[in-house]
C-alpha atoms as a PDB file:
ATOM      1  CA  MET A   1       0.000   0.000   0.000  1.00  0.00           C
ATOM      2  CA  ASN A   2       1.163   3.501  -0.839  1.00  0.00           C
ATOM      3  CA  ILE A   3       0.586   6.450   1.466  1.00  0.00           C
ATOM      4  CA  LEU A   4       1.263   9.849  -0.063  1.00  0.00           C
ATOM      5  CA  VAL A   5       2.909  12.284   2.328  1.00  0.00           C
ATOM      6  CA  PHE A   6       2.998  16.048   1.988  1.00  0.00           C
ATOM      7  CA  GLY A   7       4.795  18.734   3.913  1.00  0.00           C
ATOM      8  CA  ASN A   8       7.541  21.292   3.706  1.00  0.00           C
ATOM      9  CA  PRO A   9      10.468  20.591   6.041  1.00  0.00           C
ATOM     10  CA  LEU A  10      11.331  24.301   6.116  1.00  0.00           C
ATOM     11  CA  VAL A  11       7.909  25.501   7.283  1.00  0.00           C
ATOM     12  CA  GLU A  12       7.068  24.782  10.938  1.00  0.00           C
ATOM     13  CA  GLU A  13       3.308  24.812  10.270  1.00  0.00           C
ATOM     14  CA  ASP A  14       3.724  22.220   7.525  1.00  0.00           C
ATOM     15  CA  ASN A  15       6.353  19.743   8.729  1.00  0.00           C
ATOM     16  CA  LEU A  16       4.754  17.720  11.547  1.00  0.00           C
ATOM     17  CA  ILE A  17       4.183  14.651   9.375  1.00  0.00           C
ATOM     18  CA  LEU A  18       7.763  14.791   8.132  1.00  0.00           C
ATOM     19  CA  LYS A  19       8.983  14.833  11.741  1.00  0.00           C
ATOM     20  CA  ILE A  20       7.108  11.625  12.594  1.00  0.00           C
ATOM     21  CA  LEU A  21       7.638   9.966   9.208  1.00  0.00           C
ATOM     22  CA  PRO A  22      10.832   8.041  10.111  1.00  0.00           C
ATOM     23  CA  GLU A  23       9.048   6.333  12.998  1.00  0.00           C
ATOM     24  CA  LEU A  24       5.947   5.634  10.905  1.00  0.00           C
ATOM     25  CA  MET A  25       8.187   4.028   8.279  1.00  0.00           C
ATOM     26  CA  GLU A  26       9.929   1.911  10.897  1.00  0.00           C
ATOM     27  CA  GLN A  27       6.641   0.784  12.474  1.00  0.00           C
ATOM     28  CA  ASN A  28       4.973   0.074   9.122  1.00  0.00           C
ATOM     29  CA  PRO A  29       7.422  -1.651   6.772  1.00  0.00           C
ATOM     30  CA  GLU A  30       4.490  -2.948   4.675  1.00  0.00           C
ATOM     31  CA  ILE A  31       3.573   0.625   3.707  1.00  0.00           C
ATOM     32  CA  LYS A  32       5.431   2.590   1.084  1.00  0.00           C
ATOM     33  CA  PHE A  33       5.420   6.240   2.194  1.00  0.00           C
ATOM     34  CA  ILE A  34       5.955   8.597  -0.735  1.00  0.00           C
ATOM     35  CA  HIS A  35       6.840  12.236   0.011  1.00  0.00           C
ATOM     36  CA  LEU A  36       5.491  14.409  -2.790  1.00  0.00           C
ATOM     37  CA  ASP A  37       4.907  17.968  -3.833  1.00  0.00           C
ATOM     38  CA  PRO A  38       1.159  18.752  -4.049  1.00  0.00           C
ATOM     39  CA  THR A  39       1.434  19.626  -7.746  1.00  0.00           C
ATOM     40  CA  GLU A  40       2.863  16.254  -8.814  1.00  0.00           C
ATOM     41  CA  ASP A  41       0.899  13.723 -10.853  1.00  0.00           C
ATOM     42  CA  LEU A  42      -0.959  12.084  -7.993  1.00  0.00           C
ATOM     43  CA  GLU A  43      -3.068   9.954 -10.314  1.00  0.00           C
ATOM     44  CA  LYS A  44      -0.051   7.803 -11.179  1.00  0.00           C
ATOM     45  CA  TYR A  45      -0.396   6.302  -7.671  1.00  0.00           C
ATOM     46  CA  GLY A  46      -3.768   4.782  -8.496  1.00  0.00           C
ATOM     47  CA  GLU A  47      -7.440   5.646  -8.544  1.00  0.00           C
ATOM     48  CA  ASP A  48      -7.828   5.299  -4.790  1.00  0.00           C
ATOM     49  CA  ILE A  49      -5.437   7.654  -3.022  1.00  0.00           C
ATOM     50  CA  LYS A  50      -4.455   7.563   0.645  1.00  0.00           C
ATOM     51  CA  ILE A  51      -2.743  10.615   2.104  1.00  0.00           C
ATOM     52  CA  ILE A  52      -1.345  11.764   5.414  1.00  0.00           C
ATOM     53  CA  ASP A  53      -0.913  15.506   5.822  1.00  0.00           C
ATOM     54  CA  VAL A  54      -1.305  18.327   8.285  1.00  0.00           C
ATOM     55  CA  VAL A  55      -4.547  20.256   8.043  1.00  0.00           C
ATOM     56  CA  HIS A  56      -5.041  23.791   9.248  1.00  0.00           C
ATOM     57  CA  GLY A  57      -8.343  24.669  10.853  1.00  0.00           C
ATOM     58  CA  ILE A  58      -9.026  21.371  12.621  1.00  0.00           C
ATOM     59  CA  LYS A  59      -8.605  20.736  16.330  1.00  0.00           C
ATOM     60  CA  GLU A  60      -8.679  16.924  16.240  1.00  0.00           C
ATOM     61  CA  PRO A  61      -7.391  14.419  13.681  1.00  0.00           C
ATOM     62  CA  ALA A  62      -9.893  13.583  10.966  1.00  0.00           C
ATOM     63  CA  ILE A  63     -10.357  11.333   7.966  1.00  0.00           C
ATOM     64  CA  ILE A  64     -11.333  13.464   4.988  1.00  0.00           C
ATOM     65  CA  THR A  65     -12.877  11.728   1.983  1.00  0.00           C
ATOM     66  CA  ASP A  66     -14.514  14.679   0.231  1.00  0.00           C
ATOM     67  CA  PRO A  67     -12.105  17.110  -1.441  1.00  0.00           C
ATOM     68  CA  GLU A  68     -14.831  19.765  -1.413  1.00  0.00           C
ATOM     69  CA  LYS A  69     -14.362  19.967   2.358  1.00  0.00           C
ATOM     70  CA  LEU A  70     -10.767  21.083   1.861  1.00  0.00           C
ATOM     71  CA  LYS A  71     -10.309  24.809   2.042  1.00  0.00           C
ATOM     72  CA  THR A  72      -8.825  26.408  -1.026  1.00  0.00           C
ATOM     73  CA  GLU A  73      -7.703  29.942  -1.490  1.00  0.00           C
ATOM     74  CA  LYS A  74      -7.878  32.023  -4.645  1.00  0.00           C
ATOM     75  CA  VAL A  75      -5.340  30.830  -7.193  1.00  0.00           C
ATOM     76  CA  SER A  76      -3.404  33.575  -8.903  1.00  0.00           C
ATOM     77  CA  SER A  77      -0.220  31.674  -9.733  1.00  0.00           C
ATOM     78  CA  MET A  78       1.228  28.152  -9.610  1.00  0.00           C
ATOM     79  CA  HIS A  79       2.557  29.052  -6.163  1.00  0.00           C
ATOM     80  CA  ASP A  80      -1.056  29.157  -4.964  1.00  0.00           C
ATOM     81  CA  PHE A  81      -1.930  25.797  -6.533  1.00  0.00           C
ATOM     82  CA  ASP A  82      -2.031  23.325  -3.687  1.00  0.00           C
ATOM     83  CA  LEU A  83      -3.064  19.798  -2.770  1.00  0.00           C
ATOM     84  CA  ALA A  84      -6.747  20.666  -2.327  1.00  0.00           C
ATOM     85  CA  TYR A  85      -6.973  22.133  -5.838  1.00  0.00           C
ATOM     86  CA  ASN A  86      -5.083  19.232  -7.350  1.00  0.00           C
ATOM     87  CA  LEU A  87      -7.341  16.652  -5.680  1.00  0.00           C
ATOM     88  CA  LYS A  88     -10.502  18.484  -6.700  1.00  0.00           C
ATOM     89  CA  LEU A  89      -9.354  18.722 -10.320  1.00  0.00           C
ATOM     90  CA  LEU A  90      -8.281  15.077 -10.469  1.00  0.00           C
ATOM     91  CA  MET A  91     -11.622  13.905  -9.077  1.00  0.00           C
ATOM     92  CA  GLN A  92     -13.589  16.124 -11.460  1.00  0.00           C
ATOM     93  CA  ALA A  93     -11.520  14.755 -14.354  1.00  0.00           C
ATOM     94  CA  ARG A  94     -12.172  11.229 -13.012  1.00  0.00           C
ATOM     95  CA  LYS A  95      -8.423  10.551 -12.830  1.00  0.00           C
ATOM     96  CA  ILE A  96      -8.877   9.381  -9.243  1.00  0.00           C
ATOM     97  CA  LYS A  97     -11.998   7.816  -7.720  1.00  0.00           C
ATOM     98  CA  THR A  98     -11.537   8.096  -3.985  1.00  0.00           C
ATOM     99  CA  ILE A  99      -9.345   9.836  -1.479  1.00  0.00           C
ATOM    100  CA  LYS A 100      -8.716   9.206   2.169  1.00  0.00           C
ATOM    101  CA  ILE A 101      -6.762  11.918   3.895  1.00  0.00           C
ATOM    102  CA  LEU A 102      -5.547  11.341   7.407  1.00  0.00           C
ATOM    103  CA  GLY A 103      -5.628  14.980   8.469  1.00  0.00           C
ATOM    104  CA  ILE A 104      -3.542  15.859  11.505  1.00  0.00           C
ATOM    105  CA  PRO A 105      -3.851  19.304  13.126  1.00  0.00           C
ATOM    106  CA  TRP A 106      -0.680  21.241  12.327  1.00  0.00           C
ATOM    107  CA  ASP A 107      -0.116  22.161  15.970  1.00  0.00           C
ATOM    108  CA  MET A 108      -0.626  18.692  17.496  1.00  0.00           C
ATOM    109  CA  LYS A 109       2.183  17.316  19.661  1.00  0.00           C
ATOM    110  CA  GLU A 110       4.419  14.838  17.851  1.00  0.00           C
ATOM    111  CA  GLY A 111       3.718  11.939  20.229  1.00  0.00           C
ATOM    112  CA  LYS A 112      -0.043  12.294  19.919  1.00  0.00           C
ATOM    113  CA  ALA A 113       0.185  12.693  16.129  1.00  0.00           C
ATOM    114  CA  LEU A 114       2.331   9.554  15.901  1.00  0.00           C
ATOM    115  CA  SER A 115      -0.023   7.519  18.101  1.00  0.00           C
ATOM    116  CA  TYR A 116      -3.147   8.575  16.223  1.00  0.00           C
ATOM    117  CA  SER A 117      -1.515   8.102  12.818  1.00  0.00           C
ATOM    118  CA  GLN A 118      -0.320   4.634  13.763  1.00  0.00           C
ATOM    119  CA  SER A 119      -3.828   3.641  14.854  1.00  0.00           C
ATOM    120  CA  ILE A 120      -5.391   4.744  11.553  1.00  0.00           C
ATOM    121  CA  LEU A 121      -2.609   3.232   9.453  1.00  0.00           C
ATOM    122  CA  ARG A 122      -3.157  -0.153  11.129  1.00  0.00           C
ATOM    123  CA  LYS A 123      -6.843   0.037  10.125  1.00  0.00           C
ATOM    124  CA  TRP A 124      -5.947   0.986   6.555  1.00  0.00           C
ATOM    125  CA  VAL A 125      -3.476  -1.904   6.292  1.00  0.00           C
ATOM    126  CA  ALA A 126      -6.111  -4.342   7.598  1.00  0.00           C
ATOM    127  CA  GLN A 127      -8.671  -3.014   5.106  1.00  0.00           C
ATOM    128  CA  ASP A 128      -6.114  -3.257   2.303  1.00  0.00           C
ATOM    129  CA  ILE A 129      -5.396  -6.897   3.173  1.00  0.00           C
ATOM    130  CA  GLN A 130      -9.133  -7.658   3.206  1.00  0.00           C
ATOM    131  CA  GLY A 131      -9.547  -5.885  -0.113  1.00  0.00           C
ATOM    132  CA  SER A 132     -12.053  -3.306   1.101  1.00  0.00           C
END
Protein backbone atom coordinates (compact mmCIF):
# COMPACT_ATOMS: atom_id res chain seq x y z
CA MET A 1 0.00 0.00 0.00
CA ASN A 2 1.16 3.50 -0.84
CA ILE A 3 0.59 6.45 1.47
CA LEU A 4 1.26 9.85 -0.06
CA VAL A 5 2.91 12.28 2.33
CA PHE A 6 3.00 16.05 1.99
CA GLY A 7 4.79 18.73 3.91
CA ASN A 8 7.54 21.29 3.71
CA PRO A 9 10.47 20.59 6.04
CA LEU A 10 11.33 24.30 6.12
CA VAL A 11 7.91 25.50 7.28
CA GLU A 12 7.07 24.78 10.94
CA GLU A 13 3.31 24.81 10.27
CA ASP A 14 3.72 22.22 7.52
CA ASN A 15 6.35 19.74 8.73
CA LEU A 16 4.75 17.72 11.55
CA ILE A 17 4.18 14.65 9.37
CA LEU A 18 7.76 14.79 8.13
CA LYS A 19 8.98 14.83 11.74
CA ILE A 20 7.11 11.62 12.59
CA LEU A 21 7.64 9.97 9.21
CA PRO A 22 10.83 8.04 10.11
CA GLU A 23 9.05 6.33 13.00
CA LEU A 24 5.95 5.63 10.91
CA MET A 25 8.19 4.03 8.28
CA GLU A 26 9.93 1.91 10.90
CA GLN A 27 6.64 0.78 12.47
CA ASN A 28 4.97 0.07 9.12
CA PRO A 29 7.42 -1.65 6.77
CA GLU A 30 4.49 -2.95 4.68
CA ILE A 31 3.57 0.62 3.71
CA LYS A 32 5.43 2.59 1.08
CA PHE A 33 5.42 6.24 2.19
CA ILE A 34 5.96 8.60 -0.74
CA HIS A 35 6.84 12.24 0.01
CA LEU A 36 5.49 14.41 -2.79
CA ASP A 37 4.91 17.97 -3.83
CA PRO A 38 1.16 18.75 -4.05
CA THR A 39 1.43 19.63 -7.75
CA GLU A 40 2.86 16.25 -8.81
CA ASP A 41 0.90 13.72 -10.85
CA LEU A 42 -0.96 12.08 -7.99
CA GLU A 43 -3.07 9.95 -10.31
CA LYS A 44 -0.05 7.80 -11.18
CA TYR A 45 -0.40 6.30 -7.67
CA GLY A 46 -3.77 4.78 -8.50
CA GLU A 47 -7.44 5.65 -8.54
CA ASP A 48 -7.83 5.30 -4.79
CA ILE A 49 -5.44 7.65 -3.02
CA LYS A 50 -4.45 7.56 0.64
CA ILE A 51 -2.74 10.62 2.10
CA ILE A 52 -1.35 11.76 5.41
CA ASP A 53 -0.91 15.51 5.82
CA VAL A 54 -1.30 18.33 8.29
CA VAL A 55 -4.55 20.26 8.04
CA HIS A 56 -5.04 23.79 9.25
CA GLY A 57 -8.34 24.67 10.85
CA ILE A 58 -9.03 21.37 12.62
CA LYS A 59 -8.61 20.74 16.33
CA GLU A 60 -8.68 16.92 16.24
CA PRO A 61 -7.39 14.42 13.68
CA ALA A 62 -9.89 13.58 10.97
CA ILE A 63 -10.36 11.33 7.97
CA ILE A 64 -11.33 13.46 4.99
CA THR A 65 -12.88 11.73 1.98
CA ASP A 66 -14.51 14.68 0.23
CA PRO A 67 -12.10 17.11 -1.44
CA GLU A 68 -14.83 19.77 -1.41
CA LYS A 69 -14.36 19.97 2.36
CA LEU A 70 -10.77 21.08 1.86
CA LYS A 71 -10.31 24.81 2.04
CA THR A 72 -8.83 26.41 -1.03
CA GLU A 73 -7.70 29.94 -1.49
CA LYS A 74 -7.88 32.02 -4.64
CA VAL A 75 -5.34 30.83 -7.19
CA SER A 76 -3.40 33.57 -8.90
CA SER A 77 -0.22 31.67 -9.73
CA MET A 78 1.23 28.15 -9.61
CA HIS A 79 2.56 29.05 -6.16
CA ASP A 80 -1.06 29.16 -4.96
CA PHE A 81 -1.93 25.80 -6.53
CA ASP A 82 -2.03 23.33 -3.69
CA LEU A 83 -3.06 19.80 -2.77
CA ALA A 84 -6.75 20.67 -2.33
CA TYR A 85 -6.97 22.13 -5.84
CA ASN A 86 -5.08 19.23 -7.35
CA LEU A 87 -7.34 16.65 -5.68
CA LYS A 88 -10.50 18.48 -6.70
CA LEU A 89 -9.35 18.72 -10.32
CA LEU A 90 -8.28 15.08 -10.47
CA MET A 91 -11.62 13.90 -9.08
CA GLN A 92 -13.59 16.12 -11.46
CA ALA A 93 -11.52 14.75 -14.35
CA ARG A 94 -12.17 11.23 -13.01
CA LYS A 95 -8.42 10.55 -12.83
CA ILE A 96 -8.88 9.38 -9.24
CA LYS A 97 -12.00 7.82 -7.72
CA THR A 98 -11.54 8.10 -3.98
CA ILE A 99 -9.34 9.84 -1.48
CA LYS A 100 -8.72 9.21 2.17
CA ILE A 101 -6.76 11.92 3.89
CA LEU A 102 -5.55 11.34 7.41
CA GLY A 103 -5.63 14.98 8.47
CA ILE A 104 -3.54 15.86 11.50
CA PRO A 105 -3.85 19.30 13.13
CA TRP A 106 -0.68 21.24 12.33
CA ASP A 107 -0.12 22.16 15.97
CA MET A 108 -0.63 18.69 17.50
CA LYS A 109 2.18 17.32 19.66
CA GLU A 110 4.42 14.84 17.85
CA GLY A 111 3.72 11.94 20.23
CA LYS A 112 -0.04 12.29 19.92
CA ALA A 113 0.19 12.69 16.13
CA LEU A 114 2.33 9.55 15.90
CA SER A 115 -0.02 7.52 18.10
CA TYR A 116 -3.15 8.57 16.22
CA SER A 117 -1.51 8.10 12.82
CA GLN A 118 -0.32 4.63 13.76
CA SER A 119 -3.83 3.64 14.85
CA ILE A 120 -5.39 4.74 11.55
CA LEU A 121 -2.61 3.23 9.45
CA ARG A 122 -3.16 -0.15 11.13
CA LYS A 123 -6.84 0.04 10.13
CA TRP A 124 -5.95 0.99 6.56
CA VAL A 125 -3.48 -1.90 6.29
CA ALA A 126 -6.11 -4.34 7.60
CA GLN A 127 -8.67 -3.01 5.11
CA ASP A 128 -6.11 -3.26 2.30
CA ILE A 129 -5.40 -6.90 3.17
CA GLN A 130 -9.13 -7.66 3.21
CA GLY A 131 -9.55 -5.88 -0.11
CA SER A 132 -12.05 -3.31 1.10
